[in-house]
Amino acid sequence: MHVSAVRIGDRPKCRGKRSLYGEMMIALATCLAVQHADPDLALLLAEMDDAEVVAWDDPTVEWSRFDKVIIRSTWNAHLDRDRFVAWCRQVDRVSELWNPPDLVEWNTDKRYLLDLAAHGIPIVPTRFVAPGEHLDDRCDGVDIDLGGDVVVKPTVAAGSYGIGRFQDDRDGIIGRVDEIHRQGLTAMIQAYQSQIDTQAETGLVYFGGQYSHCFAKSAILASEITTDEAGLYAVEQIEPRQPTRVQREIADRVVDAIPETAYLRIDLVPTDQGPAVLEVEATEPSLFIDTDDQAAARAARIWRTLARL
C-alpha cells in the first residue's frame, strides 16, 4: 500500500507548547467558509476542554503553539489539494498532525481504492479514466455498462462535489468525464448500486484503530442533492445502525491495512456480491458522533491516550 509506515506515536512528540498546567494544546482544524458548521465539533469540545477550533486556511494561525492538530472539517481542501497537502506537511513539522500527512495525501485521491483491492478488500467496481485516456480503453480490466445506471465523479473531491448519476446516457457520461479532465483530474466511473436505495450505506467509525460506532446513510443520489449554504457538503439523512458480522470483518480488514490512525471512517454499500467499500475517509470525515451517546467521550479518551504514547 502506498501509505507511509509512520504510525501515531512514532514521531517526535511535544513539539508544540503546553499550557502552564501541562495539558495538551490541541487544535481541531476546520475551514473559514464553514468554521463552526460541523455538528461533531460541539460534542467533541464538550469532552475536550484543551481543544480549540481553528481554520486550516487562516493565515494568522501559529500552528507551533499546538501539540496536536486534528483535521476535522477542512471541507474546502479538495478545491486546492496541493496547497492542502503542503499545509499538512508544514503543520507536521512544527506540531503533530492527525492523521499523518502521508496518509492524508494518499486518502485525498480516491485511486487509493486500487490499493485496497490489491489487499483483497472488496471495493465497488471502479474504472479510473485519467486525462488523455478514453472511456473505451480497457487497460484496467474493469468493464462497466456505460448504457446502464452509472455514477461519475472526480477522484479528488469531497461530499457530493462533481458527482453525477447517468441512466442510459453515454453522451452525458462522456461530457462529465471531459469536464473532470478539463480540471486536470482523473474521473472515476462506478455502476450505481441500486440496493443503496432500500438498504442505505453503512458507515463504521474507528478511533485509534478501535471500533466506535456505526450509522446508516441514505443514498444522496436517490433524490435531489441538498447542500450547505457554502456548497461544500451534502446534507444527509443519518441514523444509528448496528453493523453485520460481514460488515465489521471488512471494515476491520481496512483498519488493519492502513497504518494506525487517530480516526477512520469506512463506508460500505450493498452489492450483489455482498458489502463492498465505497470510500475510506481518513482525512476530514463527518463522524456523526451524535448517533452514539458515548462516541465523543470515547474519541477524547482514545486521543488523549495516543497523545501520551
Protein backbone atom coordinates (compact mmCIF):
# COMPACT_ATOMS: atom_id res chain seq x y z
CA MET A 1 0.00 0.00 0.00
CA HIS A 2 1.31 3.43 -0.91
CA VAL A 3 0.93 4.79 2.59
CA SER A 4 3.69 5.83 4.96
CA ALA A 5 4.58 3.25 7.59
CA VAL A 6 4.87 6.07 10.14
CA ARG A 7 2.46 5.47 12.97
CA ILE A 8 0.99 7.82 15.51
CA GLY A 9 3.31 7.91 18.48
CA ASP A 10 6.41 7.06 16.42
CA ARG A 11 7.10 10.68 15.50
CA PRO A 12 8.75 13.29 17.74
CA LYS A 13 6.30 14.45 20.36
CA CYS A 14 5.69 17.63 22.34
CA ARG A 15 6.98 19.93 19.62
CA GLY A 16 4.17 22.32 20.43
CA LYS A 17 3.65 24.47 23.51
CA ARG A 18 1.93 23.00 26.55
CA SER A 19 -0.25 25.09 28.83
CA LEU A 20 1.00 26.16 32.26
CA TYR A 21 -0.69 23.14 33.83
CA GLY A 22 0.83 20.59 31.47
CA GLU A 23 -2.32 19.99 29.44
CA MET A 24 -2.05 19.30 25.74
CA MET A 25 -2.80 22.19 23.41
CA ILE A 26 -4.99 20.64 20.71
CA ALA A 27 -6.32 22.23 17.53
CA LEU A 28 -9.41 20.96 15.73
CA ALA A 29 -8.84 22.11 12.16
CA THR A 30 -11.80 23.36 10.12
CA CYS A 31 -12.04 25.90 7.29
CA LEU A 32 -13.03 29.56 7.24
CA ALA A 33 -16.07 29.01 4.99
CA VAL A 34 -17.84 26.71 7.47
CA GLN A 35 -15.75 27.04 10.61
CA HIS A 36 -18.47 26.07 13.09
CA ALA A 37 -20.88 24.17 10.84
CA ASP A 38 -19.63 20.68 11.74
CA PRO A 39 -22.10 19.28 14.32
CA ASP A 40 -19.38 16.95 15.61
CA LEU A 41 -17.37 19.91 16.90
CA ALA A 42 -19.67 20.94 19.75
CA LEU A 43 -19.83 17.35 21.01
CA LEU A 44 -16.04 16.96 20.87
CA LEU A 45 -15.41 20.31 22.55
CA ALA A 46 -17.69 19.29 25.42
CA GLU A 47 -15.27 16.41 26.10
CA MET A 48 -12.03 18.21 25.20
CA ASP A 49 -11.59 21.41 27.18
CA ASP A 50 -7.98 21.51 25.94
CA ALA A 51 -9.09 21.88 22.31
CA GLU A 52 -9.51 24.96 20.15
CA VAL A 53 -11.30 25.29 16.80
CA VAL A 54 -9.07 26.88 14.14
CA ALA A 55 -9.26 27.12 10.35
CA TRP A 56 -6.57 25.49 8.23
CA ASP A 57 -6.81 28.33 5.69
CA ASP A 58 -6.46 31.11 8.28
CA PRO A 59 -3.00 32.61 7.60
CA THR A 60 -2.83 34.19 11.07
CA VAL A 61 -2.73 30.88 12.98
CA GLU A 62 0.54 29.95 14.69
CA TRP A 63 0.42 26.17 14.43
CA SER A 64 3.56 25.72 16.50
CA ARG A 65 1.65 26.58 19.67
CA PHE A 66 -0.32 23.33 19.41
CA ASP A 67 0.92 19.90 20.46
CA LYS A 68 -1.57 18.14 18.21
CA VAL A 69 -3.58 19.30 15.21
CA ILE A 70 -6.56 17.07 14.41
CA ILE A 71 -8.07 17.56 10.96
CA ARG A 72 -11.82 17.78 11.35
CA SER A 73 -13.91 19.75 8.84
CA THR A 74 -11.50 21.14 6.26
CA TRP A 75 -14.25 20.73 3.69
CA ASN A 76 -12.77 23.01 1.04
CA ALA A 77 -9.44 21.16 0.92
CA HIS A 78 -10.30 19.36 -2.33
CA LEU A 79 -10.54 22.71 -4.14
CA ASP A 80 -6.75 23.08 -3.84
CA ARG A 81 -5.40 19.68 -2.84
CA ASP A 82 -1.75 20.56 -3.45
CA ARG A 83 -1.99 23.56 -1.14
CA PHE A 84 -3.76 21.48 1.50
CA VAL A 85 -1.18 18.69 1.43
CA ALA A 86 1.59 21.28 1.65
CA TRP A 87 -0.18 22.79 4.68
CA CYS A 88 -0.36 19.33 6.27
CA ARG A 89 3.37 18.85 5.90
CA GLN A 90 4.15 22.34 7.19
CA VAL A 91 1.97 21.81 10.28
CA ASP A 92 3.52 18.41 10.95
CA ARG A 93 6.96 19.99 11.03
CA VAL A 94 6.04 22.31 13.91
CA SER A 95 3.36 20.22 15.65
CA GLU A 96 1.93 16.73 15.08
CA LEU A 97 -0.85 16.28 12.55
CA TRP A 98 -3.57 13.66 12.86
CA ASN A 99 -3.92 11.88 10.58
CA PRO A 100 -0.30 12.00 9.30
CA PRO A 101 0.46 13.90 6.06
CA ASP A 102 1.43 10.82 4.02
CA LEU A 103 -1.89 9.21 4.86
CA VAL A 104 -3.76 12.42 4.03
CA GLU A 105 -2.05 12.67 0.64
CA TRP A 106 -2.92 9.04 -0.13
CA ASN A 107 -6.50 9.39 1.06
CA THR A 108 -7.37 12.61 -0.79
CA ASP A 109 -7.23 10.86 -4.17
CA LYS A 110 -9.76 8.05 -4.48
CA ARG A 111 -7.38 5.94 -6.52
CA TYR A 112 -6.49 4.57 -3.08
CA LEU A 113 -9.29 2.09 -3.83
CA LEU A 114 -6.83 0.26 -6.08
CA ASP A 115 -4.52 -0.28 -3.10
CA LEU A 116 -7.38 -1.68 -1.03
CA ALA A 117 -8.38 -4.03 -3.86
CA ALA A 118 -4.76 -5.19 -4.10
CA HIS A 119 -5.06 -6.18 -0.43
CA GLY A 120 -8.07 -8.35 -1.29
CA ILE A 121 -10.59 -5.93 0.22
CA PRO A 122 -13.86 -5.83 -1.75
CA ILE A 123 -14.50 -2.46 -3.39
CA VAL A 124 -17.26 -1.17 -5.64
CA PRO A 125 -16.04 -1.96 -9.19
CA THR A 126 -14.49 1.26 -10.45
CA ARG A 127 -12.96 2.44 -13.71
CA PHE A 128 -10.43 5.26 -13.49
CA VAL A 129 -10.01 7.44 -16.57
CA ALA A 130 -7.06 9.83 -16.39
CA PRO A 131 -6.70 12.91 -18.61
CA GLY A 132 -5.62 11.72 -22.06
CA GLU A 133 -7.32 8.34 -21.63
CA HIS A 134 -10.62 7.40 -23.22
CA LEU A 135 -13.71 5.60 -22.00
CA ASP A 136 -13.20 2.80 -24.50
CA ASP A 137 -9.80 1.94 -23.02
CA ARG A 138 -9.93 -1.35 -21.10
CA CYS A 139 -6.45 -1.20 -19.58
CA ASP A 140 -7.82 -1.54 -16.04
CA GLY A 141 -9.81 -4.64 -16.87
CA VAL A 142 -12.98 -3.23 -15.28
CA ASP A 143 -16.00 -3.47 -17.57
CA ILE A 144 -18.91 -1.18 -16.65
CA ASP A 145 -22.03 -0.88 -18.82
CA LEU A 146 -22.00 2.78 -19.84
CA GLY A 147 -25.54 2.37 -21.10
CA GLY A 148 -26.81 1.44 -17.65
CA ASP A 149 -27.11 3.30 -14.35
CA VAL A 150 -23.70 4.91 -13.75
CA VAL A 151 -22.07 7.31 -11.29
CA VAL A 152 -19.23 9.60 -12.41
CA LYS A 153 -17.09 11.76 -10.13
CA PRO A 154 -13.55 13.13 -9.84
CA THR A 155 -11.03 11.21 -7.76
CA VAL A 156 -10.24 14.39 -5.84
CA ALA A 157 -13.48 15.59 -4.28
CA ALA A 158 -15.45 15.81 -1.07
CA GLY A 159 -19.09 15.15 -0.33
CA SER A 160 -21.18 15.44 -3.49
CA TYR A 161 -18.69 17.69 -5.31
CA GLY A 162 -18.58 16.96 -9.04
CA ILE A 163 -20.71 13.83 -8.77
CA GLY A 164 -23.28 12.88 -11.39
CA ARG A 165 -25.63 9.96 -11.96
CA PHE A 166 -26.42 8.97 -15.53
CA GLN A 167 -29.05 6.48 -16.70
CA ASP A 168 -28.77 5.23 -20.29
CA ASP A 169 -26.84 8.40 -21.13
CA ARG A 170 -23.46 7.64 -22.65
CA ASP A 171 -23.16 11.19 -24.02
CA GLY A 172 -23.78 12.57 -20.54
CA ILE A 173 -21.08 10.30 -19.11
CA ILE A 174 -18.60 11.40 -21.77
CA GLY A 175 -19.45 15.04 -21.10
CA ARG A 176 -18.91 14.70 -17.35
CA VAL A 177 -15.62 12.84 -17.84
CA ASP A 178 -14.43 15.57 -20.24
CA GLU A 179 -15.45 18.22 -17.70
CA ILE A 180 -13.42 16.47 -14.99
CA HIS A 181 -10.45 16.14 -17.34
CA ARG A 182 -10.55 19.87 -18.10
CA GLN A 183 -9.91 20.42 -14.40
CA GLY A 184 -6.80 18.27 -14.71
CA LEU A 185 -8.37 15.49 -12.64
CA THR A 186 -8.93 11.77 -13.09
CA ALA A 187 -12.52 10.60 -13.44
CA MET A 188 -13.91 7.52 -11.74
CA ILE A 189 -16.89 5.57 -13.04
CA GLN A 190 -18.95 3.16 -10.98
CA ALA A 191 -22.12 1.23 -11.64
CA TYR A 192 -24.85 2.61 -9.38
CA GLN A 193 -25.62 0.07 -6.66
CA SER A 194 -29.42 0.22 -6.58
CA GLN A 195 -29.63 -1.71 -3.29
CA ILE A 196 -28.47 1.50 -1.61
CA ASP A 197 -31.93 2.96 -2.23
CA THR A 198 -33.54 0.48 0.16
CA GLN A 199 -30.66 -0.60 2.41
CA ALA A 200 -28.66 2.67 2.55
CA GLU A 201 -24.90 2.97 3.00
CA THR A 202 -23.26 1.76 6.20
CA GLY A 203 -20.52 3.82 7.82
CA LEU A 204 -18.24 2.40 10.51
CA VAL A 205 -16.13 4.77 12.61
CA TYR A 206 -12.88 3.86 14.36
CA PHE A 207 -10.81 5.89 16.83
CA GLY A 208 -7.18 4.89 17.28
CA GLY A 209 -7.87 1.68 15.38
CA GLN A 210 -10.69 0.74 17.78
CA TYR A 211 -14.27 0.33 16.58
CA SER A 212 -16.52 3.09 17.92
CA HIS A 213 -19.93 3.26 16.26
CA CYS A 214 -21.90 2.72 13.09
CA PHE A 215 -24.54 4.63 11.15
CA ALA A 216 -26.79 4.31 8.11
CA LYS A 217 -26.61 7.00 5.43
CA SER A 218 -29.36 7.37 2.85
CA ALA A 219 -28.20 7.49 -0.75
CA ILE A 220 -27.71 11.12 -1.79
CA LEU A 221 -28.15 10.23 -5.47
CA ALA A 222 -31.57 8.68 -4.95
CA SER A 223 -33.08 12.19 -4.90
CA GLU A 224 -32.07 15.81 -5.44
CA ILE A 225 -28.87 16.73 -3.59
CA THR A 226 -29.19 19.42 -0.91
CA THR A 227 -26.02 21.20 0.16
CA ASP A 228 -24.99 23.68 2.84
CA GLU A 229 -25.01 27.42 2.09
CA ALA A 230 -21.35 27.33 1.04
CA GLY A 231 -21.98 24.34 -1.24
CA LEU A 232 -19.14 22.35 0.36
CA TYR A 233 -21.02 19.34 1.69
CA ALA A 234 -24.26 17.47 1.11
CA VAL A 235 -26.97 17.41 3.76
CA GLU A 236 -27.51 13.72 4.50
CA GLN A 237 -30.04 11.59 6.36
CA ILE A 238 -28.22 9.69 9.09
CA GLU A 239 -29.46 7.08 11.56
CA PRO A 240 -27.72 4.77 14.07
CA ARG A 241 -27.12 1.23 12.83
CA GLN A 242 -25.61 -1.99 14.09
CA PRO A 243 -23.17 -3.45 11.56
CA THR A 244 -23.47 -7.05 10.44
CA ARG A 245 -20.68 -9.51 11.12
CA VAL A 246 -19.52 -9.32 7.48
CA GLN A 247 -19.52 -5.52 7.52
CA ARG A 248 -17.39 -5.49 10.67
CA GLU A 249 -14.98 -8.01 9.19
CA ILE A 250 -14.47 -5.93 6.04
CA ALA A 251 -14.04 -2.69 7.99
CA ASP A 252 -11.58 -4.36 10.36
CA ARG A 253 -9.53 -5.52 7.37
CA VAL A 254 -9.37 -1.93 6.11
CA VAL A 255 -8.17 -0.74 9.52
CA ASP A 256 -5.52 -3.47 9.57
CA ALA A 257 -4.32 -2.49 6.08
CA ILE A 258 -3.77 1.18 6.93
CA PRO A 259 -1.15 2.46 9.37
CA GLU A 260 -2.52 3.31 12.79
CA THR A 261 -4.92 6.23 12.63
CA ALA A 262 -6.47 8.68 15.06
CA TYR A 263 -9.78 8.33 13.25
CA LEU A 264 -11.11 6.43 10.26
CA ARG A 265 -14.49 6.05 8.60
CA ILE A 266 -15.26 3.18 6.25
CA ASP A 267 -18.32 3.50 4.01
CA LEU A 268 -19.78 0.24 2.73
CA VAL A 269 -22.56 -0.33 0.21
CA PRO A 270 -24.60 -3.45 -0.54
CA THR A 271 -23.85 -5.18 -3.84
CA ASP A 272 -24.90 -8.45 -5.43
CA GLN A 273 -21.60 -9.92 -4.18
CA GLY A 274 -22.03 -8.62 -0.62
CA PRO A 275 -20.82 -5.47 1.17
CA ALA A 276 -18.12 -3.50 -0.65
CA VAL A 277 -16.06 -0.45 0.20
CA LEU A 278 -17.31 2.73 -1.44
CA GLU A 279 -14.93 5.09 0.36
CA VAL A 280 -12.44 5.19 3.20
CA GLU A 281 -12.31 8.56 4.95
CA ALA A 282 -9.03 9.25 6.76
CA THR A 283 -8.83 12.99 6.22
CA GLU A 284 -11.85 15.11 7.18
CA PRO A 285 -14.83 12.81 7.54
CA SER A 286 -18.06 13.65 9.28
CA LEU A 287 -18.01 11.23 12.20
CA PHE A 288 -21.74 11.52 13.01
CA ILE A 289 -20.90 11.42 16.69
CA ASP A 290 -24.49 12.23 17.63
CA THR A 291 -25.56 8.72 16.57
CA ASP A 292 -23.83 7.26 19.65
CA ASP A 293 -24.12 8.81 23.11
CA GLN A 294 -20.61 7.66 24.08
CA ALA A 295 -18.77 8.44 20.85
CA ALA A 296 -17.48 11.90 21.79
CA ALA A 297 -16.16 10.74 25.17
CA ARG A 298 -14.68 7.66 23.51
CA ALA A 299 -12.85 9.75 20.92
CA ALA A 300 -11.50 12.15 23.55
CA ARG A 301 -10.29 9.30 25.77
CA ILE A 302 -8.56 7.42 22.95
CA TRP A 303 -6.97 10.56 21.51
CA ARG A 304 -5.59 11.57 24.91
CA THR A 305 -4.10 8.09 25.28
CA LEU A 306 -2.49 8.29 21.84
CA ALA A 307 -1.16 11.77 22.60
CA ARG A 308 0.73 10.48 25.62
CA LEU A 309 2.36 7.49 23.92
